[in-house]
């Protein structure tokens, strides 16, 4: 006798939806534990960018590698966090391709839970990227000149930024057919943001049109906020601008990602 398959409920309470999302987030963390090679991009990439830019361009841009390191490290925290957020879209696209979402669809869980779970699981990646870069930067001579509380606020800001930017990757991951396409499209979108910012060079050295973009670029605003939190400087203005950008990204891409998800998996 074949057991009846119960259809998932049409409505799930907010509390249950949160519980479902956290359960699937733990699934993502377990996947990282079983396949630690998934962390290669957030361990090797921060080190490579830091060493390469400090020792190749530090003297030419700032006059000394030490001075450049103090300005570059907070900016690289921003860049590496945003780059780490791309994996959410790749992982979800892989799960859809392998039929994992067919199993999720048969379970009595909130429809948003698989997406929210994948996004929350990436907090581990953001923390690893932050710790690896700060440890390497400290070995090279970087020093936090503010206070521990400001550093903790900076780390929290990076996690929030990663959680917001990853909805862009989730949206793309639900649209395209292959994981490689997700990564290619997101890199094409993210590179103009990161390299068209003040992460690597002061915006005052840029042409007028590029400087105008750099000054309002969310990556530049996040970088200015991180520099203020870690090495001193203005925090309030850049932080408010960055938070406004992050809120806008979520307001736009979260509903788009959910709509694309429903169309993709039914």
Protein backbone atom coordinates (compact mmCIF):
# COMPACT_ATOMS: atom_id res chain seq x y z
CA UNK A 1 0.00 0.00 0.00
CA UNK A 2 1.46 3.33 -1.00
CA UNK A 3 1.58 5.99 1.70
CA UNK A 4 -0.21 9.19 0.90
CA UNK A 5 1.95 12.21 0.31
CA UNK A 6 0.77 15.19 2.30
CA UNK A 7 0.80 18.49 0.46
CA UNK A 8 2.61 21.32 2.22
CA UNK A 9 0.36 23.84 3.92
CA UNK A 10 -0.64 26.88 1.96
CA UNK A 11 0.23 29.25 4.80
CA UNK A 12 3.14 29.16 7.22
CA UNK A 13 3.39 31.43 10.23
CA UNK A 14 6.31 33.89 10.34
CA UNK A 15 7.78 32.07 13.35
CA UNK A 16 7.69 28.74 11.52
CA UNK A 17 9.15 30.34 8.39
CA UNK A 18 12.10 31.62 10.43
CA UNK A 19 12.56 28.16 11.98
CA UNK A 20 12.53 26.52 8.55
CA UNK A 21 15.05 29.02 7.21
CA UNK A 22 17.40 28.44 10.16
CA UNK A 23 17.14 24.66 9.72
CA UNK A 24 18.15 24.91 6.07
CA UNK A 25 20.90 27.38 7.01
CA UNK A 26 22.33 24.69 9.29
CA UNK A 27 22.20 22.31 6.32
CA UNK A 28 24.39 24.79 4.44
CA UNK A 29 26.84 24.99 7.33
CA UNK A 30 27.10 21.20 7.44
CA UNK A 31 27.86 21.18 3.71
CA UNK A 32 30.76 23.55 4.37
CA UNK A 33 32.03 21.33 7.20
CA UNK A 34 31.98 18.29 4.94
CA UNK A 35 33.51 20.15 1.98
CA UNK A 36 35.89 22.76 3.41
CA UNK A 37 37.30 23.37 -0.07
CA UNK A 38 34.23 25.58 -0.55
CA UNK A 39 36.12 28.15 1.54
CA UNK A 40 39.10 28.40 -0.80
CA UNK A 41 37.84 31.62 -2.36
CA UNK A 42 37.44 33.33 1.03
CA UNK A 43 40.80 32.14 2.32
CA UNK A 44 43.21 32.38 -0.60
CA UNK A 45 41.64 35.32 -2.45
CA UNK A 46 41.94 37.82 0.44
CA UNK A 47 45.59 36.94 0.92
CA UNK A 48 46.41 37.17 -2.79
CA UNK A 49 44.71 40.55 -3.25
CA UNK A 50 46.29 41.98 -0.12
CA UNK A 51 49.85 40.88 -0.91
CA UNK A 52 49.63 41.71 -4.60
CA UNK A 53 48.20 45.22 -4.28
CA UNK A 54 50.25 46.27 -1.25
CA UNK A 55 53.64 45.22 -2.58
CA UNK A 56 53.04 45.93 -6.27
CA UNK A 57 51.18 49.24 -6.07
CA UNK A 58 51.53 50.51 -2.51
CA UNK A 59 54.69 52.50 -3.10
CA UNK A 60 53.41 54.06 -6.33
CA UNK A 61 50.00 55.03 -4.95
CA UNK A 62 50.73 56.09 -1.36
CA UNK A 63 54.49 56.46 -1.25
CA UNK A 64 54.96 53.48 1.08
CA UNK A 65 53.49 50.03 1.48
CA UNK A 66 52.70 50.67 5.16
CA UNK A 67 50.58 53.74 4.44
CA UNK A 68 48.78 52.01 1.59
CA UNK A 69 48.09 48.95 3.74
CA UNK A 70 46.23 51.08 6.31
CA UNK A 71 43.94 52.42 3.59
CA UNK A 72 43.63 49.22 1.55
CA UNK A 73 42.76 46.64 4.22
CA UNK A 74 39.35 48.14 5.15
CA UNK A 75 38.47 48.42 1.46
CA UNK A 76 39.46 44.84 0.75
CA UNK A 77 37.20 43.73 3.59
CA UNK A 78 34.34 45.24 1.60
CA UNK A 79 35.42 43.75 -1.72
CA UNK A 80 36.04 40.26 -0.35
CA UNK A 81 32.71 40.20 1.49
CA UNK A 82 30.83 41.14 -1.67
CA UNK A 83 32.75 38.56 -3.70
CA UNK A 84 31.97 35.93 -1.05
CA UNK A 85 28.26 36.69 -1.45
CA UNK A 86 28.31 35.31 -5.01
CA UNK A 87 28.42 31.72 -3.75
CA UNK A 88 24.78 31.80 -2.60
CA UNK A 89 23.52 32.08 -6.17
CA UNK A 90 25.93 29.43 -7.40
CA UNK A 91 24.96 26.99 -4.64
CA UNK A 92 21.24 27.48 -5.17
CA UNK A 93 21.58 27.07 -8.92
CA UNK A 94 23.48 23.82 -8.32
CA UNK A 95 20.76 22.53 -5.98
CA UNK A 96 18.05 23.33 -8.52
CA UNK A 97 20.01 21.58 -11.28
CA UNK A 98 20.42 18.46 -9.13
CA UNK A 99 16.74 18.29 -8.19
CA UNK A 100 17.22 19.14 -4.52
CA UNK A 101 14.41 21.69 -4.69
CA UNK A 102 11.98 18.99 -5.83
CA UNK A 103 12.47 17.45 -2.40
CA UNK A 104 12.06 20.80 -0.65
CA UNK A 105 8.83 21.42 -2.54
CA UNK A 106 7.32 18.22 -1.11
CA UNK A 107 8.05 19.26 2.48
CA UNK A 108 5.69 21.32 4.67
CA UNK A 109 8.05 24.29 4.86
CA UNK A 110 7.85 27.96 3.98
CA UNK A 111 8.50 28.55 0.31
CA UNK A 112 11.14 31.15 1.11
CA UNK A 113 13.03 28.80 3.48
CA UNK A 114 15.47 27.30 0.91
CA UNK A 115 16.53 30.76 -0.25
CA UNK A 116 16.73 32.26 3.23
CA UNK A 117 18.62 29.21 4.51
CA UNK A 118 21.23 29.45 1.76
CA UNK A 119 21.69 33.16 2.43
CA UNK A 120 22.08 32.74 6.21
CA UNK A 121 24.53 29.86 5.80
CA UNK A 122 26.89 32.23 4.00
CA UNK A 123 27.48 34.13 7.25
CA UNK A 124 30.16 31.51 7.92
CA UNK A 125 31.90 32.48 4.69
CA UNK A 126 31.80 36.17 5.52
CA UNK A 127 33.28 35.55 8.97
CA UNK A 128 36.08 33.44 7.49
CA UNK A 129 36.86 36.11 4.87
CA UNK A 130 36.98 38.84 7.54
CA UNK A 131 39.19 36.88 9.93
CA UNK A 132 41.61 35.68 7.26
CA UNK A 133 42.12 39.15 5.81
CA UNK A 134 42.54 40.86 9.18
CA UNK A 135 45.02 38.24 10.37
CA UNK A 136 47.08 38.51 7.19
CA UNK A 137 46.92 42.31 7.22
CA UNK A 138 48.06 42.35 10.85
CA UNK A 139 51.02 40.14 10.01
CA UNK A 140 51.93 42.60 7.23
CA UNK A 141 51.71 45.57 9.60
CA UNK A 142 48.09 46.74 9.58
CA UNK A 143 46.83 48.12 12.88
CA UNK A 144 43.32 48.99 14.05
CA UNK A 145 43.75 52.46 15.53
CA UNK A 146 40.22 52.98 16.90
CA UNK A 147 38.87 50.54 19.51
CA UNK A 148 37.56 46.96 19.76
CA UNK A 149 33.92 48.06 19.73
CA UNK A 150 34.39 49.90 16.44
CA UNK A 151 36.06 46.81 14.98
CA UNK A 152 33.11 44.63 16.04
CA UNK A 153 30.69 47.12 14.48
CA UNK A 154 32.76 46.99 11.28
CA UNK A 155 32.60 43.19 11.19
CA UNK A 156 28.83 43.31 11.74
CA UNK A 157 28.50 45.85 8.92
CA UNK A 158 30.35 43.51 6.58
CA UNK A 159 28.07 40.61 7.45
CA UNK A 160 24.99 42.75 6.83
CA UNK A 161 26.47 43.93 3.52
CA UNK A 162 27.13 40.36 2.44
CA UNK A 163 23.60 39.27 3.35
CA UNK A 164 22.16 42.14 1.32
CA UNK A 165 24.36 41.76 -1.76
CA UNK A 166 23.82 38.01 -1.92
CA UNK A 167 20.19 38.55 -2.95
CA UNK A 168 21.53 39.81 -6.26
CA UNK A 169 23.35 36.51 -6.69
CA UNK A 170 20.28 34.54 -5.64
CA UNK A 171 18.18 36.34 -8.25
CA UNK A 172 20.70 35.60 -11.00
CA UNK A 173 21.03 32.01 -9.75
CA UNK A 174 17.31 31.50 -10.21
CA UNK A 175 17.36 32.93 -13.74
CA UNK A 176 20.23 31.20 -15.52
CA UNK A 177 20.73 27.51 -16.22
CA UNK A 178 24.25 26.73 -15.03
CA UNK A 179 26.38 27.60 -11.96
CA UNK A 180 29.16 28.85 -14.24
CA UNK A 181 26.80 31.36 -15.81
CA UNK A 182 25.84 32.67 -12.37
CA UNK A 183 29.46 33.32 -11.47
CA UNK A 184 30.26 34.93 -14.81
CA UNK A 185 27.28 37.29 -14.72
CA UNK A 186 27.84 38.29 -11.09
CA UNK A 187 31.53 39.00 -11.61
CA UNK A 188 30.60 41.21 -14.57
CA UNK A 189 28.23 43.12 -12.27
CA UNK A 190 30.45 43.28 -9.19
CA UNK A 191 33.76 44.29 -10.80
CA UNK A 192 32.52 47.73 -11.96
CA UNK A 193 31.29 48.31 -8.40
CA UNK A 194 34.53 47.34 -6.68
CA UNK A 195 37.09 48.67 -9.15
CA UNK A 196 35.05 51.79 -9.84
CA UNK A 197 35.29 52.72 -6.17
CA UNK A 198 37.84 54.14 -3.76
CA UNK A 199 38.96 50.73 -2.51
CA UNK A 200 42.28 50.80 -4.37
CA UNK A 201 42.88 54.46 -5.23
CA UNK A 202 41.48 57.80 -3.99
CA UNK A 203 38.50 58.97 -6.02
CA UNK A 204 40.19 62.39 -6.35
CA UNK A 205 42.61 60.87 -8.87
CA UNK A 206 39.81 59.69 -11.18
CA UNK A 207 38.27 61.46 -14.20
CA UNK A 208 35.28 63.61 -13.30
CA UNK A 209 32.60 61.20 -14.54
CA UNK A 210 34.18 58.25 -12.75
CA UNK A 211 34.72 60.25 -9.57
CA UNK A 212 31.04 61.21 -9.55
CA UNK A 213 30.12 57.52 -9.69
CA UNK A 214 32.74 56.53 -7.13
CA UNK A 215 31.47 59.08 -4.61
CA UNK A 216 27.98 57.55 -4.58
CA UNK A 217 29.05 53.94 -5.20
CA UNK A 218 27.86 51.68 -2.34
CA UNK A 219 31.28 50.02 -2.26
CA UNK A 220 32.96 53.42 -1.76
CA UNK A 221 30.52 54.32 1.01
CA UNK A 222 31.07 50.99 2.74
CA UNK A 223 34.83 51.45 2.37
CA UNK A 224 34.72 54.95 3.88
CA UNK A 225 32.64 53.64 6.78
CA UNK A 226 35.06 50.76 7.37
CA UNK A 227 38.06 53.08 7.26
CA UNK A 228 36.39 55.32 9.81
CA UNK A 229 35.61 52.36 12.07
CA UNK A 230 39.05 50.73 11.83
CA UNK A 231 41.61 53.50 11.30
CA UNK A 232 39.68 56.68 12.11
CA UNK A 233 37.70 59.21 10.12
CA UNK A 234 34.10 60.07 9.37
CA UNK A 235 31.66 57.23 9.97
CA UNK A 236 28.10 58.59 10.22
CA UNK A 237 27.73 60.02 6.69
CA UNK A 238 29.18 57.07 4.75
CA UNK A 239 27.42 54.60 7.02
CA UNK A 240 23.99 56.13 6.45
CA UNK A 241 24.57 56.22 2.70
CA UNK A 242 25.75 52.61 2.68
CA UNK A 243 22.77 51.43 4.73
CA UNK A 244 20.42 53.23 2.35
CA UNK A 245 22.01 51.38 -0.59
CA UNK A 246 21.81 48.03 1.23
CA UNK A 247 18.16 48.55 2.08
CA UNK A 248 17.45 49.41 -1.55
CA UNK A 249 19.24 46.30 -2.79
CA UNK A 250 17.14 44.07 -0.53
CA UNK A 251 13.89 45.84 -1.41
CA UNK A 252 14.58 45.33 -5.12
CA UNK A 253 16.25 41.93 -5.32
CA UNK A 254 14.51 39.97 -2.55
CA UNK A 255 11.08 40.05 -4.26
CA UNK A 256 12.71 39.52 -7.65
CA UNK A 257 14.57 36.48 -6.32
CA UNK A 258 11.40 35.06 -4.78
CA UNK A 259 9.46 35.54 -8.02
CA UNK A 260 12.23 33.92 -10.08
CA UNK A 261 12.39 31.06 -7.57
CA UNK A 262 8.66 30.37 -7.84
CA UNK A 263 8.85 30.36 -11.62
CA UNK A 264 11.89 28.08 -11.59
CA UNK A 265 10.71 25.40 -9.18
CA UNK A 266 6.94 25.78 -9.51
